[in-house]
Protein backbone atom coordinates (compact mmCIF):
# COMPACT_ATOMS: atom_id res chain seq x y z
CA MET A 1 -36.74 -33.68 150.93
CA PRO A 2 -39.20 -34.95 153.37
CA PHE A 3 -37.56 -38.27 154.04
CA TYR A 4 -34.17 -36.76 155.23
CA ARG A 5 -35.92 -33.98 157.32
CA LEU A 6 -38.13 -36.58 159.03
CA ARG A 7 -35.28 -39.07 160.08
CA ALA A 8 -33.26 -35.78 161.23
CA ALA A 9 -36.13 -34.71 163.33
CA GLN A 10 -36.41 -38.18 164.95
CA SER A 11 -32.96 -38.67 165.68
CA LEU A 12 -31.97 -35.19 166.93
CA PRO A 13 -35.09 -33.81 168.78
CA ASP A 14 -33.14 -30.93 170.42
CA ARG A 15 -31.99 -29.67 167.14
CA SER A 16 -33.42 -27.74 164.05
CA PRO A 17 -35.67 -30.20 162.04
CA LEU A 18 -33.48 -29.40 159.03
CA ALA A 19 -30.32 -30.48 160.90
CA LEU A 20 -28.66 -33.87 159.65
CA THR A 21 -26.45 -36.35 161.53
CA PRO A 22 -22.85 -36.95 159.89
CA TYR A 23 -24.13 -40.21 158.53
CA TYR A 24 -26.90 -38.77 156.68
CA SER A 25 -24.72 -35.80 155.62
CA ARG A 26 -22.24 -38.13 153.89
CA ARG A 27 -25.09 -40.16 152.28
CA ILE A 28 -26.45 -37.18 150.79
CA ILE A 29 -23.05 -35.84 149.66
CA GLY A 30 -22.20 -39.08 148.03
CA PHE A 31 -25.43 -39.39 146.32
CA CYS A 32 -24.90 -35.70 144.75
CA LEU A 33 -21.41 -36.99 143.84
CA ILE A 34 -22.87 -39.92 142.01
CA ILE A 35 -25.23 -37.70 140.07
CA LEU A 36 -22.56 -35.43 139.20
CA ILE A 37 -20.12 -38.14 137.92
CA HIS A 38 -22.97 -39.42 135.79
CA MET A 39 -23.69 -36.01 134.17
CA SER A 40 -19.98 -35.48 133.57
CA MET A 41 -19.73 -38.92 131.92
CA ALA A 42 -22.59 -38.18 129.79
CA SER A 43 -21.34 -34.85 128.64
CA ALA A 44 -17.65 -36.45 128.03
CA ALA A 45 -19.35 -39.04 125.81
CA TRP A 46 -20.70 -36.53 123.65
CA ALA A 47 -17.37 -34.72 123.44
CA GLN A 48 -15.27 -37.99 122.63
CA THR A 49 -17.40 -38.24 119.34
CA PRO A 50 -17.71 -34.67 118.22
CA GLN A 51 -19.62 -35.51 115.00
CA GLY A 52 -22.76 -37.56 113.93
CA THR A 53 -23.68 -38.66 110.32
CA ILE A 54 -26.93 -38.99 108.60
CA THR A 55 -27.28 -40.93 105.39
CA ARG A 56 -30.01 -42.31 103.05
CA ALA A 57 -31.24 -45.61 103.82
CA ASP A 58 -31.55 -46.58 99.95
CA SER A 59 -28.15 -45.43 98.67
CA GLY A 60 -25.85 -44.58 101.64
CA ALA A 61 -25.62 -40.93 100.23
CA PRO A 62 -25.39 -37.94 102.74
CA VAL A 63 -28.51 -36.27 103.81
CA PRO A 64 -27.80 -32.61 103.73
CA TYR A 65 -29.31 -29.96 106.32
CA ALA A 66 -31.42 -32.51 107.91
CA SER A 67 -32.75 -31.49 111.43
CA VAL A 68 -31.60 -33.13 114.84
CA GLY A 69 -33.76 -32.11 117.77
CA VAL A 70 -34.53 -33.19 121.42
CA LYS A 71 -38.33 -33.73 121.44
CA GLY A 72 -40.01 -31.02 123.58
CA LYS A 73 -36.71 -29.09 124.50
CA PRO A 74 -34.81 -26.34 123.00
CA LEU A 75 -31.80 -28.53 122.40
CA GLY A 76 -30.70 -29.52 118.70
CA THR A 77 -28.90 -28.46 115.56
CA VAL A 78 -28.80 -29.04 111.66
CA ALA A 79 -26.54 -31.22 109.71
CA ASN A 80 -24.06 -29.69 107.07
CA GLU A 81 -24.01 -30.32 103.36
CA THR A 82 -22.33 -33.58 103.87
CA GLY A 83 -24.85 -34.93 106.42
CA GLN A 84 -22.63 -34.36 109.47
CA PHE A 85 -23.86 -32.68 112.68
CA PRO A 86 -22.09 -31.88 115.91
CA LEU A 87 -23.04 -33.70 119.05
CA GLN A 88 -22.22 -30.87 121.45
CA PRO A 89 -25.64 -29.05 121.09
CA LEU A 90 -27.28 -32.38 122.45
CA ALA A 91 -24.79 -32.67 125.36
CA GLN A 92 -27.63 -31.58 127.92
CA ALA A 93 -30.07 -34.13 126.76
CA LEU A 94 -31.04 -36.79 129.27
CA PRO A 95 -30.60 -40.38 128.33
CA THR A 96 -33.89 -41.10 128.09
CA ASP A 97 -34.71 -38.01 125.95
CA THR A 98 -36.20 -38.78 122.61
CA ILE A 99 -33.88 -37.59 119.72
CA VAL A 100 -35.93 -36.77 116.41
CA VAL A 101 -33.85 -36.62 113.10
CA SER A 102 -36.02 -35.38 110.28
CA CYS A 103 -35.66 -33.66 106.85
CA VAL A 104 -38.13 -32.76 104.19
CA GLY A 105 -38.88 -35.79 101.74
CA PHE A 106 -37.72 -38.32 104.51
CA LEU A 107 -39.53 -40.33 107.34
CA PRO A 108 -38.35 -38.95 110.49
CA GLN A 109 -36.33 -41.19 112.74
CA LYS A 110 -36.52 -41.32 116.62
CA GLN A 111 -34.38 -42.79 119.15
CA THR A 112 -33.32 -42.12 122.70
CA ALA A 113 -30.22 -39.98 123.55
CA ALA A 114 -28.54 -42.83 125.00
CA GLN A 115 -28.72 -44.84 121.79
CA LEU A 116 -27.54 -41.69 119.82
CA ARG A 117 -24.51 -41.53 121.98
CA GLN A 118 -23.63 -45.30 121.48
CA THR A 119 -24.14 -45.22 117.71
CA PRO A 120 -24.15 -41.51 116.10
CA SER A 121 -24.74 -42.46 112.78
CA VAL A 122 -28.58 -42.35 111.55
CA THR A 123 -30.17 -43.41 108.28
CA LEU A 124 -33.38 -41.78 106.91
CA THR A 125 -35.80 -43.45 104.68
CA PRO A 126 -37.14 -41.49 101.58
CA GLN A 127 -40.78 -40.72 102.03
CA ALA A 128 -43.15 -42.24 99.17
CA THR A 129 -44.03 -39.68 96.83
CA GLN A 130 -47.58 -39.55 96.13
CA LEU A 131 -48.91 -38.39 92.95
CA LYS A 132 -50.81 -35.25 93.35
CA GLU A 133 -53.28 -33.74 91.41
CA VAL A 134 -51.63 -30.71 89.25
CA ALA A 135 -53.71 -27.72 89.44
CA VAL A 136 -53.99 -26.03 86.08
CA ARG A 137 -53.45 -22.23 86.20
CA HIS A 138 -56.83 -20.45 85.22
CA GLY A 139 -56.82 -17.77 82.29
CA LYS A 140 -58.14 -15.16 84.83
CA LEU A 141 -55.78 -14.76 87.70
CA ARG A 142 -55.28 -11.75 89.85
CA PRO A 143 -52.05 -10.81 91.65
CA GLN A 144 -52.27 -10.69 95.67
CA VAL A 145 -49.89 -10.50 98.35
CA LEU A 146 -50.37 -12.59 101.42
CA GLY A 147 -48.72 -11.23 104.39
CA ARG A 148 -46.80 -8.03 105.34
CA GLU A 149 -45.34 -5.63 102.90
CA SER A 150 -44.15 -2.87 105.10
CA THR A 151 -40.66 -2.63 106.47
CA GLY A 152 -40.97 -0.59 109.50
CA GLY A 153 -41.85 -1.86 113.15
CA VAL A 154 -40.57 -1.72 116.83
CA ALA A 155 -39.92 -5.46 116.90
CA HIS A 156 -37.06 -7.36 115.28
CA TRP A 157 -36.73 -11.07 114.69
CA GLY A 158 -33.38 -12.54 114.14
CA ASN A 159 -30.21 -13.61 115.92
CA TRP A 160 -29.43 -11.03 118.73
CA ALA A 161 -26.43 -10.86 121.29
CA PRO A 162 -24.78 -8.32 123.61
CA LYS A 163 -22.44 -5.96 121.92
CA ASP A 164 -19.40 -7.69 123.17
CA SER A 165 -20.37 -11.31 122.95
CA LEU A 166 -20.90 -13.80 119.97
CA PRO A 167 -24.45 -14.68 118.91
CA LYS A 168 -25.92 -18.08 119.98
CA GLU A 169 -26.08 -21.15 117.82
CA MET A 170 -29.03 -20.70 115.33
CA ARG A 171 -29.14 -23.85 113.39
CA GLY A 172 -32.74 -25.16 113.58
CA TRP A 173 -34.32 -21.99 114.64
CA GLU A 174 -37.67 -21.25 113.00
CA VAL A 175 -39.61 -18.19 112.61
CA GLY A 176 -43.00 -17.67 110.65
CA THR A 177 -46.24 -16.19 110.38
CA PHE A 178 -49.85 -17.06 109.81
CA LEU A 179 -51.46 -16.65 106.65
CA THR A 180 -55.01 -17.10 105.21
CA PRO A 181 -55.74 -16.73 101.57
CA SER A 182 -59.15 -15.21 100.54
CA ASP A 183 -59.54 -17.02 97.16
CA ASN A 184 -57.86 -20.14 95.68
CA CYS A 185 -54.44 -19.32 94.45
CA PHE A 186 -51.08 -20.26 93.00
CA VAL A 187 -47.85 -19.37 94.87
CA ASP A 188 -45.25 -17.25 92.90
CA ALA A 189 -42.80 -16.28 95.11
CA PHE A 190 -41.73 -15.67 98.93
CA SER A 191 -40.22 -12.45 100.08
CA VAL A 192 -38.52 -11.40 103.35
CA TYR A 193 -37.16 -8.04 104.20
CA ILE A 194 -33.61 -8.21 106.03
CA GLU A 195 -32.88 -5.01 107.99
CA ARG A 196 -29.39 -6.03 109.10
CA ASN A 197 -27.05 -8.61 108.17
CA ALA A 198 -23.32 -8.89 108.96
CA LEU A 199 -22.88 -12.51 107.56
CA ARG A 200 -21.19 -13.62 104.57
CA PHE A 201 -23.99 -16.13 103.98
CA VAL A 202 -26.88 -17.51 105.71
CA ARG A 203 -28.98 -20.64 104.37
CA PHE A 204 -32.70 -20.88 105.01
CA ARG A 205 -35.44 -23.44 104.36
CA LEU A 206 -38.92 -22.46 103.37
CA LYS A 207 -41.77 -24.45 105.23
CA LEU A 208 -45.42 -24.45 104.61
CA TYR A 209 -47.55 -25.95 107.62
CA ALA A 210 -51.00 -27.00 107.94
CA VAL A 211 -52.52 -25.34 111.15
CA GLU A 212 -54.65 -26.80 113.87
CA GLY A 213 -55.84 -24.55 116.53
CA SER A 214 -53.26 -21.79 116.82
CA HIS A 215 -50.24 -23.91 115.97
CA PRO A 216 -48.34 -25.38 112.95
CA THR A 217 -48.61 -29.11 112.48
CA THR A 218 -47.66 -31.23 109.33
CA LEU A 219 -45.72 -29.96 106.30
CA LEU A 220 -47.90 -29.28 103.25
CA THR A 221 -45.23 -30.18 100.84
CA ASP A 222 -42.52 -32.83 100.57
CA GLN A 223 -40.37 -30.33 98.22
CA ASP A 224 -37.04 -28.97 99.99
CA MET A 225 -37.20 -25.12 99.27
CA GLN A 226 -34.02 -23.38 100.21
CA PHE A 227 -32.61 -20.11 99.58
CA VAL A 228 -29.12 -18.27 100.61
CA LEU A 229 -28.67 -14.73 101.84
CA SER A 230 -25.41 -13.52 100.03
CA ASP A 231 -22.58 -11.43 101.83
CA GLN A 232 -24.35 -8.84 104.07
CA GLN A 233 -27.42 -8.95 101.89
CA THR A 234 -30.10 -6.64 103.09
CA GLY A 235 -33.48 -5.28 101.75
CA TRP A 236 -36.33 -7.29 100.13
CA VAL A 237 -35.15 -10.83 99.16
CA LYS A 238 -37.49 -12.66 96.87
CA VAL A 239 -37.44 -16.29 96.17
CA ASN A 240 -39.07 -17.75 93.10
CA LEU A 241 -41.67 -20.52 94.05
CA ARG A 242 -43.33 -21.08 90.74
CA PRO A 243 -41.08 -24.44 90.02
CA TYR A 244 -42.73 -26.03 92.84
CA ASN A 245 -46.25 -25.52 91.58
CA LEU A 246 -47.84 -24.57 95.22
CA HIS A 247 -51.54 -24.27 95.27
CA LEU A 248 -53.56 -22.91 98.17
CA LYS A 249 -57.40 -23.22 98.89
CA LYS A 250 -59.80 -20.55 99.76
CA ASN A 251 -59.57 -19.86 103.73
CA GLN A 252 -56.81 -22.49 104.02
CA LYS A 253 -54.93 -21.30 106.98
CA ILE A 254 -51.37 -22.10 106.74
CA ALA A 255 -48.10 -21.18 108.45
CA LEU A 256 -45.14 -19.95 106.43
CA ALA A 257 -41.83 -20.42 107.98
CA MET A 258 -37.99 -19.92 107.58
CA GLN A 259 -35.66 -22.27 109.32
CA TRP A 260 -32.12 -21.40 109.75
CA LEU A 261 -29.91 -24.06 108.32
CA ASP A 262 -26.35 -22.91 108.10
CA ASN A 263 -24.12 -19.67 108.22
CA ASP A 264 -20.47 -18.53 108.47
CA GLU A 265 -18.99 -16.71 111.48
CA PRO A 266 -20.33 -13.15 111.88
CA ARG A 267 -17.99 -10.25 110.70
CA ALA A 268 -18.60 -8.56 113.92
CA LYS A 269 -19.80 -9.27 117.50
CA GLY A 270 -23.26 -8.47 118.53
CA LYS A 271 -26.50 -8.17 116.70
CA TYR A 272 -26.08 -9.13 113.27
CA ILE A 273 -29.14 -10.07 111.36
CA SER A 274 -32.81 -8.96 111.82
CA VAL A 275 -36.33 -8.96 110.26
CA PRO A 276 -38.51 -5.95 111.38
CA ALA A 277 -42.14 -6.75 112.56
CA ALA A 278 -45.01 -4.66 113.64
CA PHE A 279 -45.64 -4.94 117.24
CA PRO A 280 -48.30 -5.03 119.06
CA ASP A 281 -50.77 -6.45 116.20
CA ALA A 282 -54.21 -7.26 117.30
CA PHE A 283 -54.98 -9.13 113.86
CA HIS A 284 -51.77 -11.07 113.25
CA ARG A 285 -49.77 -13.80 115.16
CA ALA A 286 -46.13 -15.06 114.44
CA TYR A 287 -44.37 -17.86 115.91
CA ILE A 288 -40.81 -19.09 116.87
CA ARG A 289 -39.09 -22.11 118.19
CA ASP A 290 -35.53 -22.45 119.07
CA LYS A 291 -34.89 -25.85 117.50
CA SER A 292 -36.75 -28.32 115.25
CA GLU A 293 -38.48 -30.22 118.28
CA ALA A 294 -38.90 -27.37 120.78
CA GLY A 295 -42.31 -26.08 121.63
CA TRP A 296 -44.02 -23.17 119.60
CA GLN A 297 -44.08 -19.70 121.10
CA ILE A 298 -46.80 -17.50 119.65
CA PHE A 299 -46.71 -13.66 119.77
CA PRO A 300 -48.82 -10.82 118.59
CA VAL A 301 -46.62 -9.42 115.87
CA ASN A 302 -46.61 -9.11 112.14
CA PRO A 303 -43.01 -9.87 110.35
CA SER A 304 -42.19 -8.34 107.15
CA MET A 305 -42.59 -11.60 104.96
CA ASN A 306 -45.20 -12.61 102.53
CA LEU A 307 -46.24 -14.74 99.55
CA SER A 308 -46.80 -13.27 96.18
CA VAL A 309 -49.72 -15.33 94.63
CA GLN A 310 -52.02 -15.50 91.55
CA ALA A 311 -55.70 -15.60 92.94
CA TYR A 312 -58.83 -16.98 91.06
CA ARG A 313 -62.37 -17.88 91.86
CA ASP A 314 -64.29 -20.85 90.87
């Protein structure tokens, strides 16, 4: 605090430059108390309205499993199946922070944290669906796997916690890997290897992103692809993607991600779900982000997840 240090040195020449007069000490203490009071009032505002709601702009129906995140920060959550979401995970957001509410198939909606505190109800407008050219499957198709098929590895991705504590809030968390098909291909299925799982159920959303530089950018499909892990399910989990008619082009770099949407309480404390990964891996990269609007973190690992595709050449 240069201002307070300078004034103290001028008023008290015989004292340390860091010493303050009682007058300025009271001013600083009062200023700090004002900040603490405002922070407490902001947190209390979230607590007094524990739930927000997300609905469709066209029909008023709830939007299930929409993401709610603070732009650029690891703060946020995901709405439940009825479009309700807790406000407590946003309590640390500053009044001027931007809250982004988004869901696959809808236009994102942005507002400040102060606006959301005042009116914790959000409406999302369905995204206009553009008619896409339907790729017709060729007669000469060759099965391929994009991604890792091994199940070992010294790295593990998932929700971790000390043995005697409960895991952190995971809703909104994403983990993914980068893939590049060597030929044009149709996507048949997604597979992920679950090494440990102490939950009765976990719901995930699959995402396919375009890639610019070394980071995921925009979604490649407006179709909401979800799957659920059943009670303590482990091993390879395969999700049929043929109904979505997904087509990838040769040398098209994509990011394949799993977003954590919902779960029950764990059966036991401590580490309770994980996906193995090879580490270090000089030729592959994976990425995570804690919440839907947090920054991406890139790591030299190769998680056990992949796409089964049918490849062809023009």
